[in-house]
N, C-alpha and C. Protein backbone atom coordinates (compact mmCIF):
# COMPACT_ATOMS: atom_id res chain seq x y z
N MET A 1 142.47 102.40 113.50
CA MET A 1 141.46 101.39 113.72
C MET A 1 141.68 100.22 112.77
N PRO A 2 141.44 99.00 113.23
CA PRO A 2 141.63 97.85 112.35
C PRO A 2 140.54 97.78 111.30
N ASN A 3 140.93 97.38 110.13
CA ASN A 3 140.01 97.20 109.02
C ASN A 3 140.14 95.78 108.49
N PRO A 4 139.05 95.24 107.93
CA PRO A 4 139.16 93.89 107.38
C PRO A 4 140.10 93.86 106.19
N LYS A 5 140.90 92.80 106.12
CA LYS A 5 141.84 92.68 105.01
C LYS A 5 141.13 92.30 103.72
N ARG A 6 140.08 91.48 103.85
CA ARG A 6 139.31 91.04 102.69
C ARG A 6 137.82 91.35 102.89
N ARG A 7 137.12 91.40 101.80
CA ARG A 7 135.68 91.69 101.82
C ARG A 7 134.91 90.50 102.38
N HIS A 8 133.90 90.78 103.24
CA HIS A 8 133.05 89.70 103.76
C HIS A 8 132.08 89.28 102.66
N SER A 9 131.79 88.00 102.61
CA SER A 9 130.86 87.49 101.60
C SER A 9 129.43 87.93 101.91
N GLN A 10 128.56 87.88 100.89
CA GLN A 10 127.16 88.25 101.08
C GLN A 10 126.48 87.26 102.02
N GLN A 11 126.86 86.00 101.95
CA GLN A 11 126.27 84.98 102.81
C GLN A 11 126.60 85.27 104.28
N ARG A 12 127.80 85.71 104.53
CA ARG A 12 128.20 86.00 105.91
C ARG A 12 127.40 87.18 106.47
N SER A 13 127.17 88.19 105.63
CA SER A 13 126.37 89.35 106.06
C SER A 13 124.93 88.94 106.29
N ALA A 14 124.39 88.09 105.40
CA ALA A 14 123.00 87.65 105.51
C ALA A 14 122.79 86.83 106.78
N LYS A 15 123.77 86.02 107.15
CA LYS A 15 123.66 85.21 108.37
C LYS A 15 123.54 86.12 109.60
N ARG A 16 124.26 87.20 109.59
CA ARG A 16 124.23 88.13 110.72
C ARG A 16 122.87 88.84 110.78
N ARG A 17 122.29 89.13 109.61
CA ARG A 17 121.04 89.90 109.57
C ARG A 17 119.79 89.06 109.78
N THR A 18 119.90 87.75 109.86
CA THR A 18 118.70 86.92 109.99
C THR A 18 117.96 87.18 111.30
N HIS A 19 118.62 87.71 112.31
CA HIS A 19 117.98 87.91 113.59
C HIS A 19 117.19 89.21 113.67
N TYR A 20 117.31 90.08 112.67
CA TYR A 20 116.54 91.32 112.65
C TYR A 20 115.20 91.01 112.02
N LYS A 21 114.13 91.14 112.77
CA LYS A 21 112.81 90.89 112.19
C LYS A 21 111.79 91.87 112.77
N ALA A 22 110.79 92.14 112.00
CA ALA A 22 109.73 93.05 112.43
C ALA A 22 108.78 92.30 113.36
N THR A 23 108.32 92.99 114.40
CA THR A 23 107.36 92.39 115.32
C THR A 23 106.09 93.24 115.33
N ALA A 24 104.97 92.59 115.49
CA ALA A 24 103.69 93.30 115.55
C ALA A 24 103.56 94.00 116.90
N PRO A 25 102.99 95.21 116.92
CA PRO A 25 102.82 95.90 118.20
C PRO A 25 101.82 95.17 119.09
N THR A 26 102.03 95.23 120.39
CA THR A 26 101.13 94.59 121.34
C THR A 26 99.93 95.50 121.58
N LEU A 27 98.74 94.94 121.44
CA LEU A 27 97.52 95.71 121.60
C LEU A 27 96.81 95.32 122.89
N SER A 28 96.05 96.25 123.43
CA SER A 28 95.24 95.97 124.61
C SER A 28 93.94 96.75 124.49
N VAL A 29 92.97 96.37 125.30
CA VAL A 29 91.65 97.02 125.30
C VAL A 29 91.55 97.91 126.53
N ASP A 30 91.16 99.17 126.30
CA ASP A 30 91.00 100.12 127.39
C ASP A 30 89.73 99.76 128.18
N ALA A 31 89.84 99.67 129.49
CA ALA A 31 88.71 99.29 130.33
C ALA A 31 87.62 100.36 130.36
N SER A 32 88.01 101.63 130.32
CA SER A 32 87.01 102.70 130.44
C SER A 32 86.28 102.98 129.13
N THR A 33 86.98 102.87 127.99
CA THR A 33 86.34 103.18 126.70
C THR A 33 86.04 101.94 125.88
N GLY A 34 86.71 100.84 126.15
CA GLY A 34 86.51 99.62 125.37
C GLY A 34 87.21 99.64 124.03
N GLU A 35 88.08 100.60 123.82
CA GLU A 35 88.78 100.73 122.54
C GLU A 35 90.10 99.96 122.55
N THR A 36 90.46 99.43 121.39
CA THR A 36 91.74 98.74 121.25
C THR A 36 92.81 99.77 120.91
N HIS A 37 93.95 99.68 121.59
CA HIS A 37 95.03 100.63 121.36
C HIS A 37 96.37 99.96 121.61
N GLU A 38 97.44 100.63 121.18
CA GLU A 38 98.79 100.13 121.41
C GLU A 38 99.14 100.31 122.89
N ARG A 39 99.80 99.29 123.46
CA ARG A 39 100.13 99.35 124.89
C ARG A 39 101.14 100.45 125.19
N HIS A 40 101.01 101.07 126.35
CA HIS A 40 101.91 102.12 126.83
C HIS A 40 101.93 103.34 125.92
N ARG A 41 100.81 103.61 125.25
CA ARG A 41 100.69 104.78 124.40
C ARG A 41 99.35 105.45 124.70
N ALA A 42 99.32 106.77 124.68
CA ALA A 42 98.07 107.50 124.84
C ALA A 42 97.26 107.34 123.55
N HIS A 43 95.92 107.33 123.68
CA HIS A 43 95.07 107.18 122.50
C HIS A 43 93.87 108.12 122.61
N VAL A 44 93.32 108.47 121.44
CA VAL A 44 92.21 109.41 121.37
C VAL A 44 90.91 108.62 121.22
N SER A 45 89.92 108.97 122.02
CA SER A 45 88.60 108.36 121.92
C SER A 45 87.56 109.45 122.17
N GLU A 46 86.67 109.66 121.20
CA GLU A 46 85.61 110.68 121.30
C GLU A 46 86.15 112.06 121.62
N GLY A 47 87.27 112.42 121.02
CA GLY A 47 87.83 113.75 121.19
C GLY A 47 88.60 113.96 122.49
N LYS A 48 88.78 112.90 123.28
CA LYS A 48 89.52 113.00 124.53
C LYS A 48 90.76 112.13 124.45
N LEU A 49 91.82 112.56 125.11
CA LEU A 49 93.08 111.83 125.13
C LEU A 49 93.15 111.00 126.40
N TYR A 50 93.28 109.67 126.24
CA TYR A 50 93.32 108.75 127.37
C TYR A 50 94.70 108.14 127.51
N TYR A 51 95.12 107.91 128.76
CA TYR A 51 96.34 107.18 129.05
C TYR A 51 96.13 106.44 130.37
N LYS A 52 96.39 105.15 130.39
CA LYS A 52 96.18 104.27 131.55
C LYS A 52 94.74 104.35 132.06
N GLY A 53 93.78 104.45 131.14
CA GLY A 53 92.37 104.44 131.50
C GLY A 53 91.84 105.75 132.05
N LYS A 54 92.66 106.79 132.08
CA LYS A 54 92.23 108.07 132.62
C LYS A 54 92.30 109.15 131.54
N VAL A 55 91.44 110.15 131.65
CA VAL A 55 91.44 111.27 130.70
C VAL A 55 92.63 112.17 131.03
N VAL A 56 93.49 112.36 130.03
CA VAL A 56 94.65 113.22 130.21
C VAL A 56 94.33 114.63 129.72
N SER A 57 93.58 114.71 128.62
CA SER A 57 93.25 116.00 128.05
C SER A 57 91.85 115.92 127.45
N GLU A 58 91.06 116.96 127.67
CA GLU A 58 89.70 117.00 127.11
C GLU A 58 89.74 117.26 125.60
N LYS A 59 90.69 118.08 125.18
CA LYS A 59 90.79 118.42 123.76
C LYS A 59 91.96 117.62 123.18
N ALA A 60 91.68 116.75 122.22
CA ALA A 60 92.70 115.89 121.63
C ALA A 60 93.64 116.71 120.76
N PRO A 61 94.92 116.39 120.74
CA PRO A 61 95.88 117.11 119.89
C PRO A 61 95.63 116.81 118.42
N LEU A 62 95.99 117.77 117.57
CA LEU A 62 95.83 117.61 116.13
C LEU A 62 96.90 116.69 115.57
N LYS A 63 96.51 115.83 114.65
CA LYS A 63 97.50 114.96 113.98
C LYS A 63 98.07 115.71 112.81
N SER A 64 99.41 115.70 112.64
CA SER A 64 100.01 116.37 111.50
C SER A 64 100.80 115.41 110.68
């Protein structure tokens, strides 16, 4: 496999890494419960597990 003959400068590495950035998760409000949650994720409200506005499970899973 080819290897670089010389070491890349720190500036060159930093230029490549400038495009990596953290983004805030997209939030939405559930129509049935009115709770704010992360989109495309199941969420717990009043001991019930909801996904796409419907009850998936009556007993919420334990967080570990």
